[in-house]
């Protein structure tokens, strides 16, 4: 082990994103969460049973975690509590899930949903971009920022704003970006809820030449996904 790696692990040991417990190093992927949380955090075992009828523009959807309990708490701390470090275990879990479900397949590029300027200024980072860049590093698939927020579009998180999302154009193909010319894209976001964000972003990518767009989100609270998983395992 290199001296820098030893010092990093000594002074900044890996922690479970769900409970904060210090983790032991291991080569089996279990280092992304502690044994207790591994038993309590709901992880979807398969991707091919996930329903996503709301995603007209997305070919396949990958979501490893249910947005509830410790997973929900960790996501809120990651997005709104300044706990930037959580991107590493989240990306590790998502990477393992994508590998297990063939999620990288023929993908040529990884990109992410952009954050509004106001949100970025307040948070200091785009949580989806951190995860997407780590996935790129782990998979060897290039990351490229293909999308940008249109001016004046702020973040919307409350339920009453969901209905208006489809009517408002919030994203655009990033200025100066060459056409995708058939490239197959994996679009990364944090939470899959209504599907409007993924649909809009995927539609822009397709209209600018993407061969197809798959989507990967860390978690979802949609009951139809949970029900489908239970039926599959019954």
Protein backbone atom coordinates (compact mmCIF):
# COMPACT_ATOMS: atom_id res chain seq x y z
CA UNK A 1 0.00 0.00 0.00
CA UNK A 2 1.30 3.44 -0.89
CA UNK A 3 2.09 5.84 1.96
CA UNK A 4 -0.55 8.30 0.73
CA UNK A 5 -3.21 5.58 0.67
CA UNK A 6 -2.21 4.45 4.19
CA UNK A 7 -2.44 7.99 5.57
CA UNK A 8 -5.78 8.58 3.85
CA UNK A 9 -7.26 5.45 5.40
CA UNK A 10 -5.71 6.30 8.77
CA UNK A 11 -7.02 9.88 9.02
CA UNK A 12 -10.08 9.59 6.75
CA UNK A 13 -11.39 6.05 7.21
CA UNK A 14 -14.35 4.84 5.19
CA UNK A 15 -17.68 5.28 6.95
CA UNK A 16 -21.07 3.72 6.40
CA UNK A 17 -23.20 6.41 4.68
CA UNK A 18 -26.30 5.21 6.50
CA UNK A 19 -25.13 5.16 10.15
CA UNK A 20 -21.64 6.69 10.08
CA UNK A 21 -19.90 3.63 11.51
CA UNK A 22 -16.22 3.17 10.57
CA UNK A 23 -15.90 0.37 8.02
CA UNK A 24 -13.30 -2.34 7.72
CA UNK A 25 -11.56 -2.60 4.37
CA UNK A 26 -12.52 -5.52 2.19
CA UNK A 27 -12.41 -6.65 -1.39
CA UNK A 28 -15.98 -7.90 -1.71
CA UNK A 29 -17.74 -4.54 -1.92
CA UNK A 30 -19.09 -4.80 1.63
CA UNK A 31 -16.96 -1.78 2.56
CA UNK A 32 -19.69 0.53 1.22
CA UNK A 33 -21.97 -0.10 4.20
CA UNK A 34 -21.77 -1.76 7.59
CA UNK A 35 -23.22 -5.27 8.19
CA UNK A 36 -26.14 -3.92 10.23
CA UNK A 37 -27.21 -1.46 7.52
CA UNK A 38 -26.73 -4.14 4.87
CA UNK A 39 -29.53 -6.01 6.63
CA UNK A 40 -31.86 -3.03 6.98
CA UNK A 41 -31.36 -0.93 3.83
CA UNK A 42 -33.63 -2.17 1.03
CA UNK A 43 -31.62 -2.94 -2.11
CA UNK A 44 -33.40 -3.96 -5.30
CA UNK A 45 -31.87 -7.24 -6.44
CA UNK A 46 -32.68 -6.92 -10.15
CA UNK A 47 -33.04 -4.09 -12.62
CA UNK A 48 -34.98 -5.86 -15.36
CA UNK A 49 -38.21 -5.91 -13.32
CA UNK A 50 -38.28 -2.18 -12.59
CA UNK A 51 -41.36 -0.59 -14.20
CA UNK A 52 -40.74 2.79 -15.75
CA UNK A 53 -43.71 3.51 -17.99
CA UNK A 54 -43.29 7.20 -17.11
CA UNK A 55 -39.95 7.22 -18.93
CA UNK A 56 -40.88 7.48 -22.60
CA UNK A 57 -37.39 8.58 -23.66
CA UNK A 58 -35.36 6.18 -21.50
CA UNK A 59 -34.56 2.68 -22.72
CA UNK A 60 -33.54 1.10 -19.39
CA UNK A 61 -33.69 2.24 -15.78
CA UNK A 62 -31.35 1.20 -12.96
CA UNK A 63 -32.22 2.00 -9.31
CA UNK A 64 -30.49 0.12 -6.48
CA UNK A 65 -32.04 1.61 -3.31
CA UNK A 66 -35.48 2.32 -1.91
CA UNK A 67 -35.89 5.94 -0.76
CA UNK A 68 -36.87 5.20 2.81
CA UNK A 69 -35.37 4.85 6.29
CA UNK A 70 -31.56 5.10 6.56
CA UNK A 71 -31.16 5.41 2.77
CA UNK A 72 -33.46 8.43 2.66
CA UNK A 73 -31.69 10.00 5.64
CA UNK A 74 -28.30 9.53 3.95
CA UNK A 75 -29.54 11.10 0.72
CA UNK A 76 -30.90 14.14 2.57
CA UNK A 77 -27.59 14.59 4.39
CA UNK A 78 -25.74 14.25 1.07
CA UNK A 79 -27.93 16.81 -0.72
CA UNK A 80 -28.76 19.28 2.02
CA UNK A 81 -26.42 18.56 4.94
CA UNK A 82 -23.11 19.24 3.25
CA UNK A 83 -21.90 15.64 3.66
CA UNK A 84 -20.12 15.52 0.32
CA UNK A 85 -18.16 12.37 1.23
CA UNK A 86 -21.31 10.26 0.82
CA UNK A 87 -20.86 10.35 -2.96
CA UNK A 88 -18.11 7.71 -2.74
CA UNK A 89 -20.12 4.93 -1.04
CA UNK A 90 -23.20 5.85 -3.09
CA UNK A 91 -21.18 5.62 -6.31
CA UNK A 92 -19.63 2.36 -5.12
CA UNK A 93 -23.04 0.81 -4.49
CA UNK A 94 -24.42 2.05 -7.81
CA UNK A 95 -21.33 0.83 -9.68
CA UNK A 96 -21.68 -2.64 -8.18
CA UNK A 97 -25.40 -2.66 -9.06
CA UNK A 98 -24.77 -1.59 -12.65
CA UNK A 99 -22.10 -4.25 -13.07
CA UNK A 100 -24.37 -6.97 -11.65
CA UNK A 101 -27.24 -5.95 -13.96
CA UNK A 102 -25.30 -5.31 -17.18
CA UNK A 103 -25.89 -1.59 -16.80
CA UNK A 104 -22.72 -0.52 -18.55
CA UNK A 105 -23.38 -2.77 -21.56
CA UNK A 106 -22.56 -0.89 -24.75
CA UNK A 107 -22.57 2.53 -23.07
CA UNK A 108 -20.19 5.03 -24.70
CA UNK A 109 -20.62 8.04 -22.41
CA UNK A 110 -21.74 8.83 -18.88
CA UNK A 111 -23.41 12.15 -18.11
CA UNK A 112 -25.64 13.57 -15.39
CA UNK A 113 -28.55 15.86 -14.71
CA UNK A 114 -27.18 19.40 -14.21
CA UNK A 115 -27.85 21.47 -11.11
CA UNK A 116 -29.21 25.00 -11.16
CA UNK A 117 -26.72 27.80 -10.56
CA UNK A 118 -28.48 28.80 -7.35
CA UNK A 119 -28.46 25.27 -5.97
CA UNK A 120 -24.82 24.78 -6.91
CA UNK A 121 -23.85 28.03 -5.21
CA UNK A 122 -25.64 27.04 -2.04
CA UNK A 123 -24.49 23.41 -1.97
CA UNK A 124 -21.03 23.72 -3.48
CA UNK A 125 -21.38 20.59 -5.58
CA UNK A 126 -23.72 18.71 -7.90
CA UNK A 127 -24.45 15.41 -6.13
CA UNK A 128 -25.33 13.62 -9.38
CA UNK A 129 -22.14 14.81 -11.06
CA UNK A 130 -19.97 13.55 -8.19
CA UNK A 131 -21.54 10.10 -8.48
CA UNK A 132 -21.40 10.09 -12.29
CA UNK A 133 -17.71 11.04 -12.38
CA UNK A 134 -16.91 8.28 -9.90
CA UNK A 135 -18.84 5.78 -12.04
CA UNK A 136 -16.75 6.92 -14.99
CA UNK A 137 -13.57 6.37 -13.02
CA UNK A 138 -14.68 2.92 -11.87
CA UNK A 139 -15.99 1.72 -15.25
CA UNK A 140 -13.48 3.38 -17.58
CA UNK A 141 -16.35 4.91 -19.57
CA UNK A 142 -15.75 8.63 -20.31
CA UNK A 143 -17.76 11.26 -18.47
CA UNK A 144 -18.92 14.34 -20.33
CA UNK A 145 -21.20 17.14 -19.14
CA UNK A 146 -23.72 17.16 -22.00
CA UNK A 147 -26.54 19.19 -20.46
CA UNK A 148 -27.00 22.54 -18.79
CA UNK A 149 -29.77 24.33 -16.96
CA UNK A 150 -31.69 26.97 -18.87
CA UNK A 151 -31.59 30.42 -17.33
CA UNK A 152 -34.01 31.07 -14.52
CA UNK A 153 -34.72 27.40 -13.81
CA UNK A 154 -34.32 26.73 -10.14
CA UNK A 155 -34.49 23.48 -8.23
CA UNK A 156 -37.97 22.18 -7.43
CA UNK A 157 -38.41 19.58 -4.77
CA UNK A 158 -41.91 20.05 -3.30
CA UNK A 159 -44.78 17.90 -4.50
CA UNK A 160 -46.82 20.85 -5.69
CA UNK A 161 -44.16 21.69 -8.28
CA UNK A 162 -44.09 18.28 -9.96
CA UNK A 163 -47.16 18.92 -12.10
CA UNK A 164 -45.59 21.97 -13.70
CA UNK A 165 -42.31 20.34 -14.61
CA UNK A 166 -43.42 18.93 -17.94
CA UNK A 167 -44.59 22.37 -19.10
CA UNK A 168 -41.36 24.16 -18.23
CA UNK A 169 -38.23 23.63 -20.30
CA UNK A 170 -35.52 23.40 -17.66
CA UNK A 171 -32.60 21.86 -19.54
CA UNK A 172 -30.69 22.30 -22.80
CA UNK A 173 -27.87 20.63 -24.70
CA UNK A 174 -24.67 22.23 -23.45
CA UNK A 175 -23.46 25.02 -25.72
CA UNK A 176 -20.49 24.06 -27.86
CA UNK A 177 -21.00 20.32 -27.44
CA UNK A 178 -20.68 18.38 -30.72
CA UNK A 179 -23.58 16.12 -31.83
CA UNK A 180 -23.55 12.69 -30.23
CA UNK A 181 -23.74 10.81 -33.56
CA UNK A 182 -25.20 7.57 -32.23
CA UNK A 183 -23.31 7.44 -28.94
CA UNK A 184 -25.10 5.46 -26.23
CA UNK A 185 -25.47 7.44 -23.02
CA UNK A 186 -25.95 6.56 -19.35
CA UNK A 187 -27.75 9.47 -17.63
CA UNK A 188 -27.20 9.71 -13.85
CA UNK A 189 -29.51 11.40 -11.34
CA UNK A 190 -30.02 11.08 -7.60
CA UNK A 191 -33.70 10.13 -7.11
CA UNK A 192 -36.29 8.77 -9.56
CA UNK A 193 -39.69 10.27 -8.71
CA UNK A 194 -42.07 11.36 -11.47
CA UNK A 195 -39.70 10.75 -14.38
CA UNK A 196 -40.14 14.25 -15.81
CA UNK A 197 -36.49 15.24 -15.30
CA UNK A 198 -35.12 12.05 -16.84
CA UNK A 199 -37.59 12.28 -19.74
CA UNK A 200 -36.69 15.87 -20.55
CA UNK A 201 -32.94 15.26 -20.33
CA UNK A 202 -33.09 12.02 -22.31
CA UNK A 203 -35.23 13.68 -24.98
CA UNK A 204 -32.64 16.43 -25.43
CA UNK A 205 -29.84 13.88 -25.73
CA UNK A 206 -31.80 11.87 -28.30
CA UNK A 207 -32.62 14.96 -30.33
CA UNK A 208 -28.90 15.72 -30.42
CA UNK A 209 -27.94 12.37 -31.84
CA UNK A 210 -27.74 9.89 -28.95
CA UNK A 211 -28.29 6.31 -30.06
CA UNK A 212 -30.24 5.61 -26.87
CA UNK A 213 -30.30 6.76 -23.26
CA UNK A 214 -30.31 4.57 -20.16
CA UNK A 215 -30.80 6.09 -16.71
CA UNK A 216 -29.26 5.28 -13.34
CA UNK A 217 -30.57 6.79 -10.11
CA UNK A 218 -29.36 6.06 -6.61
CA UNK A 219 -32.84 5.49 -5.22
CA UNK A 220 -36.59 5.82 -5.69
CA UNK A 221 -39.58 6.00 -3.40
CA UNK A 222 -42.03 4.85 -6.08
CA UNK A 223 -44.34 2.16 -4.75
CA UNK A 224 -44.72 0.50 -8.17
CA UNK A 225 -40.99 -0.29 -8.25
CA UNK A 226 -41.14 -1.74 -4.74
CA UNK A 227 -44.24 -3.81 -5.57
CA UNK A 228 -42.64 -5.19 -8.74
CA UNK A 229 -39.55 -6.25 -6.79
CA UNK A 230 -41.64 -8.01 -4.18
CA UNK A 231 -43.65 -9.86 -6.83
CA UNK A 232 -40.45 -10.96 -8.57
CA UNK A 233 -38.96 -12.38 -5.36
CA UNK A 234 -42.20 -13.99 -4.13
